[in-house]
Structure formats: C-alpha cells, structure tokens
Amino acid sequence: MSQLNTAEQVPWYLWPFWAIWRLLTWIVRLTGRLIAILLGLVMIIVGAVLSITVVLLPLGIPLIVFGFLLVLRGLF
C-alpha cells in the first residue's frame, strides 16, 4: 500500500524519472550491487558500440544512459 501513497505524492512531471528510478532500484535489489554495476558497464559498452553506427544511435544513447544510471545506483 505504501507504494501507492508514494506514487500519489510524486508530481506528474517527475513521474517518468521516479518510475525509472524505481525500476533501477528493483533491478539492484534483484541482482545485487555488484552484478548491477557489471550489467551497467556492459550496457554502456554496448550502447557506445551501437552509437558508433549512426543508424542505431537512437538505441545506443538510451542504453548508455540506462547503463550509467544502473552503475550509479549500484555504487550509491
């Protein structure tokens, strides 16, 4: 029930960031901090490789951002 109360207190314009942060929190709890950091680093590398090919740039940049956020969440 507390998750519903927290969701109601988040302003609508911050909801996407809150949802991504909750997803990252869930992944960290599920996999553990070390695996989350390693998974984030792999995502950053794959995103960088995809970004080199200009065609897959729209897929590479979000992958880099998601990997960075996963590493950040795993560290702190």
PDB file of N, CA and C in Angstrom:
ATOM      1  N   MET A   1       0.806  -1.196   0.000  1.00  0.00           N
ATOM      2  CA  MET A   1       0.000   0.000   0.000  1.00  0.00           C
ATOM      3  C   MET A   1       0.854   1.268   0.000  1.00  0.00           C
ATOM      4  N   SER A   2       2.037   1.193   0.612  1.00  0.00           N
ATOM      5  CA  SER A   2       2.861   2.396   0.694  1.00  0.00           C
ATOM      6  C   SER A   2       3.347   2.835  -0.681  1.00  0.00           C
ATOM      7  N   GLN A   3       3.469   1.894  -1.615  1.00  0.00           N
ATOM      8  CA  GLN A   3       3.900   2.272  -2.952  1.00  0.00           C
ATOM      9  C   GLN A   3       2.860   3.145  -3.626  1.00  0.00           C
ATOM     10  N   LEU A   4       1.601   2.877  -3.384  1.00  0.00           N
ATOM     11  CA  LEU A   4       0.556   3.700  -3.979  1.00  0.00           C
ATOM     12  C   LEU A   4       0.568   5.106  -3.383  1.00  0.00           C
ATOM     13  N   ASN A   5       0.808   5.208  -2.093  1.00  0.00           N
ATOM     14  CA  ASN A   5       0.868   6.527  -1.469  1.00  0.00           C
ATOM     15  C   ASN A   5       2.058   7.326  -1.992  1.00  0.00           C
ATOM     16  N   THR A   6       3.192   6.658  -2.201  1.00  0.00           N
ATOM     17  CA  THR A   6       4.369   7.340  -2.728  1.00  0.00           C
ATOM     18  C   THR A   6       4.110   7.818  -4.148  1.00  0.00           C
ATOM     19  N   ALA A   7       3.434   6.994  -4.936  1.00  0.00           N
ATOM     20  CA  ALA A   7       3.145   7.378  -6.313  1.00  0.00           C
ATOM     21  C   ALA A   7       2.212   8.576  -6.363  1.00  0.00           C
ATOM     22  N   GLU A   8       1.335   8.690  -5.418  1.00  0.00           N
ATOM     23  CA  GLU A   8       0.403   9.813  -5.414  1.00  0.00           C
ATOM     24  C   GLU A   8       1.080  11.115  -4.993  1.00  0.00           C
ATOM     25  N   GLN A   9       2.196  11.023  -4.284  1.00  0.00           N
ATOM     26  CA  GLN A   9       2.885  12.226  -3.834  1.00  0.00           C
ATOM     27  C   GLN A   9       3.866  12.757  -4.869  1.00  0.00           C
ATOM     28  N   VAL A  10       4.163  11.987  -5.898  1.00  0.00           N
ATOM     29  CA  VAL A  10       5.111  12.409  -6.932  1.00  0.00           C
ATOM     30  C   VAL A  10       4.374  13.291  -7.931  1.00  0.00           C
ATOM     31  N   PRO A  11       4.898  14.492  -8.208  1.00  0.00           N
ATOM     32  CA  PRO A  11       4.250  15.341  -9.218  1.00  0.00           C
ATOM     33  C   PRO A  11       4.256  14.663 -10.584  1.00  0.00           C
ATOM     34  N   TRP A  12       3.269  14.982 -11.384  1.00  0.00           N
ATOM     35  CA  TRP A  12       3.097  14.308 -12.676  1.00  0.00           C
ATOM     36  C   TRP A  12       4.286  14.515 -13.602  1.00  0.00           C
ATOM     37  N   TYR A  13       4.940  15.670 -13.528  1.00  0.00           N
ATOM     38  CA  TYR A  13       6.053  15.950 -14.434  1.00  0.00           C
ATOM     39  C   TYR A  13       7.334  15.235 -13.999  1.00  0.00           C
ATOM     40  N   LEU A  14       7.398  14.751 -12.766  1.00  0.00           N
ATOM     41  CA  LEU A  14       8.555  14.000 -12.300  1.00  0.00           C
ATOM     42  C   LEU A  14       8.315  12.497 -12.329  1.00  0.00           C
ATOM     43  N   TRP A  15       7.109  12.077 -12.708  1.00  0.00           N
ATOM     44  CA  TRP A  15       6.778  10.669 -12.666  1.00  0.00           C
ATOM     45  C   TRP A  15       7.671   9.798 -13.538  1.00  0.00           C
ATOM     46  N   PRO A  16       8.030  10.193 -14.779  1.00  0.00           N
ATOM     47  CA  PRO A  16       8.909   9.311 -15.569  1.00  0.00           C
ATOM     48  C   PRO A  16      10.262   9.053 -14.890  1.00  0.00           C
ATOM     49  N   PHE A  17      10.834  10.081 -14.279  1.00  0.00           N
ATOM     50  CA  PHE A  17      12.107   9.907 -13.590  1.00  0.00           C
ATOM     51  C   PHE A  17      11.941   9.015 -12.363  1.00  0.00           C
ATOM     52  N   TRP A  18      10.832   9.196 -11.655  1.00  0.00           N
ATOM     53  CA  TRP A  18      10.541   8.373 -10.489  1.00  0.00           C
ATOM     54  C   TRP A  18      10.356   6.917 -10.900  1.00  0.00           C
ATOM     55  N   ALA A  19       9.690   6.680 -12.019  1.00  0.00           N
ATOM     56  CA  ALA A  19       9.446   5.318 -12.492  1.00  0.00           C
ATOM     57  C   ALA A  19      10.756   4.645 -12.901  1.00  0.00           C
ATOM     58  N   ILE A  20      11.639   5.380 -13.590  1.00  0.00           N
ATOM     59  CA  ILE A  20      12.939   4.818 -13.978  1.00  0.00           C
ATOM     60  C   ILE A  20      13.759   4.506 -12.738  1.00  0.00           C
ATOM     61  N   TRP A  21      13.735   5.387 -11.757  1.00  0.00           N
ATOM     62  CA  TRP A  21      14.484   5.165 -10.533  1.00  0.00           C
ATOM     63  C   TRP A  21      13.953   3.951  -9.779  1.00  0.00           C
ATOM     64  N   ARG A  22      12.628   3.777  -9.750  1.00  0.00           N
ATOM     65  CA  ARG A  22      12.033   2.597  -9.104  1.00  0.00           C
ATOM     66  C   ARG A  22      12.432   1.317  -9.838  1.00  0.00           C
ATOM     67  N   LEU A  23      12.492   1.368 -11.184  1.00  0.00           N
ATOM     68  CA  LEU A  23      12.915   0.211 -11.965  1.00  0.00           C
ATOM     69  C   LEU A  23      14.360  -0.142 -11.648  1.00  0.00           C
ATOM     70  N   LEU A  24      15.230   0.870 -11.586  1.00  0.00           N
ATOM     71  CA  LEU A  24      16.627   0.635 -11.251  1.00  0.00           C
ATOM     72  C   LEU A  24      16.765   0.065  -9.840  1.00  0.00           C
ATOM     73  N   THR A  25      15.987   0.566  -8.913  1.00  0.00           N
ATOM     74  CA  THR A  25      16.008   0.054  -7.543  1.00  0.00           C
ATOM     75  C   THR A  25      15.597  -1.409  -7.510  1.00  0.00           C
ATOM     76  N   TRP A  26      14.586  -1.750  -8.270  1.00  0.00           N
ATOM     77  CA  TRP A  26      14.124  -3.129  -8.324  1.00  0.00           C
ATOM     78  C   TRP A  26      15.204  -4.044  -8.905  1.00  0.00           C
ATOM     79  N   ILE A  27      15.886  -3.586  -9.968  1.00  0.00           N
ATOM     80  CA  ILE A  27      16.949  -4.383 -10.584  1.00  0.00           C
ATOM     81  C   ILE A  27      18.102  -4.577  -9.611  1.00  0.00           C
ATOM     82  N   VAL A  28      18.464  -3.520  -8.878  1.00  0.00           N
ATOM     83  CA  VAL A  28      19.568  -3.625  -7.922  1.00  0.00           C
ATOM     84  C   VAL A  28      19.213  -4.595  -6.807  1.00  0.00           C
ATOM     85  N   ARG A  29      17.996  -4.528  -6.300  1.00  0.00           N
ATOM     86  CA  ARG A  29      17.593  -5.466  -5.257  1.00  0.00           C
ATOM     87  C   ARG A  29      17.583  -6.897  -5.770  1.00  0.00           C
ATOM     88  N   LEU A  30      17.166  -7.067  -6.999  1.00  0.00           N
ATOM     89  CA  LEU A  30      17.052  -8.404  -7.559  1.00  0.00           C
ATOM     90  C   LEU A  30      18.419  -9.008  -7.849  1.00  0.00           C
ATOM     91  N   THR A  31      19.299  -8.269  -8.426  1.00  0.00           N
ATOM     92  CA  THR A  31      20.570  -8.828  -8.876  1.00  0.00           C
ATOM     93  C   THR A  31      21.723  -8.589  -7.912  1.00  0.00           C
ATOM     94  N   GLY A  32      21.600  -7.639  -7.057  1.00  0.00           N
ATOM     95  CA  GLY A  32      22.708  -7.301  -6.172  1.00  0.00           C
ATOM     96  C   GLY A  32      23.519  -6.161  -6.754  1.00  0.00           C
ATOM     97  N   ARG A  33      24.270  -5.521  -5.907  1.00  0.00           N
ATOM     98  CA  ARG A  33      25.005  -4.327  -6.327  1.00  0.00           C
ATOM     99  C   ARG A  33      26.114  -4.637  -7.329  1.00  0.00           C
ATOM    100  N   LEU A  34      26.877  -5.673  -7.103  1.00  0.00           N
ATOM    101  CA  LEU A  34      27.997  -5.964  -7.992  1.00  0.00           C
ATOM    102  C   LEU A  34      27.526  -6.340  -9.381  1.00  0.00           C
ATOM    103  N   ILE A  35      26.519  -7.178  -9.450  1.00  0.00           N
ATOM    104  CA  ILE A  35      26.002  -7.580 -10.753  1.00  0.00           C
ATOM    105  C   ILE A  35      25.352  -6.389 -11.457  1.00  0.00           C
ATOM    106  N   ALA A  36      24.721  -5.504 -10.696  1.00  0.00           N
ATOM    107  CA  ALA A  36      24.117  -4.312 -11.293  1.00  0.00           C
ATOM    108  C   ALA A  36      25.188  -3.410 -11.900  1.00  0.00           C
ATOM    109  N   ILE A  37      26.312  -3.273 -11.203  1.00  0.00           N
ATOM    110  CA  ILE A  37      27.404  -2.448 -11.728  1.00  0.00           C
ATOM    111  C   ILE A  37      27.974  -3.073 -13.002  1.00  0.00           C
ATOM    112  N   LEU A  38      28.198  -4.385 -12.975  1.00  0.00           N
ATOM    113  CA  LEU A  38      28.731  -5.066 -14.160  1.00  0.00           C
ATOM    114  C   LEU A  38      27.745  -4.998 -15.324  1.00  0.00           C
ATOM    115  N   LEU A  39      26.470  -5.179 -15.039  1.00  0.00           N
ATOM    116  CA  LEU A  39      25.449  -5.088 -16.083  1.00  0.00           C
ATOM    117  C   LEU A  39      25.387  -3.675 -16.661  1.00  0.00           C
ATOM    118  N   GLY A  40      25.520  -2.666 -15.797  1.00  0.00           N
ATOM    119  CA  GLY A  40      25.531  -1.283 -16.262  1.00  0.00           C
ATOM    120  C   GLY A  40      26.727  -0.981 -17.147  1.00  0.00           C
ATOM    121  N   LEU A  41      27.901  -1.500 -16.776  1.00  0.00           N
ATOM    122  CA  LEU A  41      29.084  -1.287 -17.599  1.00  0.00           C
ATOM    123  C   LEU A  41      28.949  -1.964 -18.964  1.00  0.00           C
ATOM    124  N   VAL A  42      28.364  -3.145 -18.974  1.00  0.00           N
ATOM    125  CA  VAL A  42      28.135  -3.833 -20.250  1.00  0.00           C
ATOM    126  C   VAL A  42      27.166  -3.029 -21.111  1.00  0.00           C
ATOM    127  N   MET A  43      26.128  -2.473 -20.497  1.00  0.00           N
ATOM    128  CA  MET A  43      25.166  -1.660 -21.247  1.00  0.00           C
ATOM    129  C   MET A  43      25.823  -0.408 -21.811  1.00  0.00           C
ATOM    130  N   ILE A  44      26.719   0.192 -21.054  1.00  0.00           N
ATOM    131  CA  ILE A  44      27.427   1.374 -21.534  1.00  0.00           C
ATOM    132  C   ILE A  44      28.292   1.017 -22.744  1.00  0.00           C
ATOM    133  N   ILE A  45      28.995  -0.103 -22.657  1.00  0.00           N
ATOM    134  CA  ILE A  45      29.860  -0.518 -23.770  1.00  0.00           C
ATOM    135  C   ILE A  45      29.031  -0.850 -25.006  1.00  0.00           C
ATOM    136  N   VAL A  46      27.952  -1.605 -24.820  1.00  0.00           N
ATOM    137  CA  VAL A  46      27.093  -1.957 -25.957  1.00  0.00           C
ATOM    138  C   VAL A  46      26.456  -0.705 -26.552  1.00  0.00           C
ATOM    139  N   GLY A  47      26.036   0.222 -25.698  1.00  0.00           N
ATOM    140  CA  GLY A  47      25.461   1.473 -26.188  1.00  0.00           C
ATOM    141  C   GLY A  47      26.465   2.298 -26.966  1.00  0.00           C
ATOM    142  N   ALA A  48      27.718   2.301 -26.510  1.00  0.00           N
ATOM    143  CA  ALA A  48      28.751   3.038 -27.235  1.00  0.00           C
ATOM    144  C   ALA A  48      29.025   2.405 -28.596  1.00  0.00           C
ATOM    145  N   VAL A  49      29.046   1.081 -28.637  1.00  0.00           N
ATOM    146  CA  VAL A  49      29.267   0.398 -29.915  1.00  0.00           C
ATOM    147  C   VAL A  49      28.106   0.673 -30.864  1.00  0.00           C
ATOM    148  N   LEU A  50      26.888   0.639 -30.344  1.00  0.00           N
ATOM    149  CA  LEU A  50      25.728   0.929 -31.182  1.00  0.00           C
ATOM    150  C   LEU A  50      25.704   2.387 -31.636  1.00  0.00           C
ATOM    151  N   SER A  51      26.234   3.272 -30.808  1.00  0.00           N
ATOM    152  CA  SER A  51      26.242   4.686 -31.160  1.00  0.00           C
ATOM    153  C   SER A  51      27.257   5.000 -32.254  1.00  0.00           C
ATOM    154  N   ILE A  52      28.248   4.147 -32.393  1.00  0.00           N
ATOM    155  CA  ILE A  52      29.231   4.365 -33.454  1.00  0.00           C
ATOM    156  C   ILE A  52      28.553   4.252 -34.816  1.00  0.00           C
ATOM    157  N   THR A  53      27.651   3.279 -34.945  1.00  0.00           N
ATOM    158  CA  THR A  53      26.869   3.186 -36.174  1.00  0.00           C
ATOM    159  C   THR A  53      25.745   4.208 -36.070  1.00  0.00           C
ATOM    160  N   VAL A  54      25.719   5.140 -36.946  1.00  0.00           N
ATOM    161  CA  VAL A  54      24.788   6.266 -36.863  1.00  0.00           C
ATOM    162  C   VAL A  54      23.334   5.799 -36.936  1.00  0.00           C
ATOM    163  N   VAL A  55      23.095   4.677 -37.598  1.00  0.00           N
ATOM    164  CA  VAL A  55      21.729   4.187 -37.763  1.00  0.00           C
ATOM    165  C   VAL A  55      21.134   3.769 -36.409  1.00  0.00           C
ATOM    166  N   LEU A  56      21.954   3.176 -35.546  1.00  0.00           N
ATOM    167  CA  LEU A  56      21.465   2.699 -34.253  1.00  0.00           C
ATOM    168  C   LEU A  56      21.698   3.691 -33.117  1.00  0.00           C
ATOM    169  N   LEU A  57      21.991   4.936 -33.454  1.00  0.00           N
ATOM    170  CA  LEU A  57      22.208   5.967 -32.445  1.00  0.00           C
ATOM    171  C   LEU A  57      21.000   6.170 -31.523  1.00  0.00           C
ATOM    172  N   PRO A  58      19.763   6.152 -32.031  1.00  0.00           N
ATOM    173  CA  PRO A  58      18.619   6.306 -31.120  1.00  0.00           C
ATOM    174  C   PRO A  58      18.476   5.160 -30.121  1.00  0.00           C
ATOM    175  N   LEU A  59      19.051   4.026 -30.399  1.00  0.00           N
ATOM    176  CA  LEU A  59      19.030   2.909 -29.449  1.00  0.00           C
ATOM    177  C   LEU A  59      20.248   2.947 -28.530  1.00  0.00           C
ATOM    178  N   GLY A  60      21.372   3.423 -29.024  1.00  0.00           N
ATOM    179  CA  GLY A  60      22.607   3.429 -28.255  1.00  0.00           C
ATOM    180  C   GLY A  60      22.625   4.440 -27.127  1.00  0.00           C
ATOM    181  N   ILE A  61      22.120   5.630 -27.379  1.00  0.00           N
ATOM    182  CA  ILE A  61      22.155   6.683 -26.355  1.00  0.00           C
ATOM    183  C   ILE A  61      21.299   6.327 -25.137  1.00  0.00           C
ATOM    184  N   PRO A  62      20.059   5.881 -25.311  1.00  0.00           N
ATOM    185  CA  PRO A  62      19.300   5.472 -24.108  1.00  0.00           C
ATOM    186  C   PRO A  62      19.942   4.292 -23.381  1.00  0.00           C
ATOM    187  N   LEU A  63      20.600   3.408 -24.113  1.00  0.00           N
ATOM    188  CA  LEU A  63      21.277   2.285 -23.477  1.00  0.00           C
ATOM    189  C   LEU A  63      22.453   2.766 -22.635  1.00  0.00           C
ATOM    190  N   ILE A  64      23.172   3.758 -23.129  1.00  0.00           N
ATOM    191  CA  ILE A  64      24.273   4.344 -22.356  1.00  0.00           C
ATOM    192  C   ILE A  64      23.734   5.020 -21.098  1.00  0.00           C
ATOM    193  N   VAL A  65      22.671   5.777 -21.235  1.00  0.00           N
ATOM    194  CA  VAL A  65      22.086   6.477 -20.080  1.00  0.00           C
ATOM    195  C   VAL A  65      21.572   5.475 -19.053  1.00  0.00           C
ATOM    196  N   PHE A  66      20.863   4.447 -19.509  1.00  0.00           N
ATOM    197  CA  PHE A  66      20.342   3.439 -18.599  1.00  0.00           C
ATOM    198  C   PHE A  66      21.479   2.703 -17.902  1.00  0.00           C
ATOM    199  N   GLY A  67      22.548   2.384 -18.635  1.00  0.00           N
ATOM    200  CA  GLY A  67      23.707   1.733 -18.029  1.00  0.00           C
ATOM    201  C   GLY A  67      24.388   2.619 -17.005  1.00  0.00           C
ATOM    202  N   PHE A  68      24.508   3.908 -17.314  1.00  0.00           N
ATOM    203  CA  PHE A  68      25.114   4.843 -16.360  1.00  0.00           C
ATOM    204  C   PHE A  68      24.282   4.949 -15.094  1.00  0.00           C
ATOM    205  N   LEU A  69      22.972   5.035 -15.245  1.00  0.00           N
ATOM    206  CA  LEU A  69      22.102   5.108 -14.072  1.00  0.00           C
ATOM    207  C   LEU A  69      22.163   3.823 -13.245  1.00  0.00           C
ATOM    208  N   LEU A  70      22.308   2.690 -13.911  1.00  0.00           N
ATOM    209  CA  LEU A  70      22.419   1.429 -13.204  1.00  0.00           C
ATOM    210  C   LEU A  70      23.723   1.353 -12.424  1.00  0.00           C
ATOM    211  N   VAL A  71      24.820   1.810 -13.021  1.00  0.00           N
ATOM    212  CA  VAL A  71      26.103   1.859 -12.302  1.00  0.00           C
ATOM    213  C   VAL A  71      26.014   2.822 -11.132  1.00  0.00           C
ATOM    214  N   LEU A  72      25.427   3.972 -11.353  1.00  0.00           N
ATOM    215  CA  LEU A  72      25.292   4.964 -10.295  1.00  0.00           C
ATOM    216  C   LEU A  72      24.472   4.425  -9.141  1.00  0.00           C
ATOM    217  N   ARG A  73      23.384   3.743  -9.457  1.00  0.00           N
ATOM    218  CA  ARG A  73      22.528   3.176  -8.417  1.00  0.00           C
ATOM    219  C   ARG A  73      23.255   2.049  -7.682  1.00  0.00           C
ATOM    220  N   GLY A  74      24.058   1.279  -8.382  1.00  0.00           N
ATOM    221  CA  GLY A  74      24.800   0.199  -7.745  1.00  0.00           C
ATOM    222  C   GLY A  74      25.895   0.707  -6.819  1.00  0.00           C
ATOM    223  N   LEU A  75      26.483   1.844  -7.151  1.00  0.00           N
ATOM    224  CA  LEU A  75      27.543   2.396  -6.320  1.00  0.00           C
ATOM    225  C   LEU A  75      27.019   3.089  -5.080  1.00  0.00           C
ATOM    226  N   PHE A  76      25.919   3.779  -5.208  1.00  0.00           N
ATOM    227  CA  PHE A  76      25.409   4.547  -4.065  1.00  0.00           C
ATOM    228  C   PHE A  76      24.123   3.972  -3.633  1.00  0.00           C
TER     229      PHE A  76
END
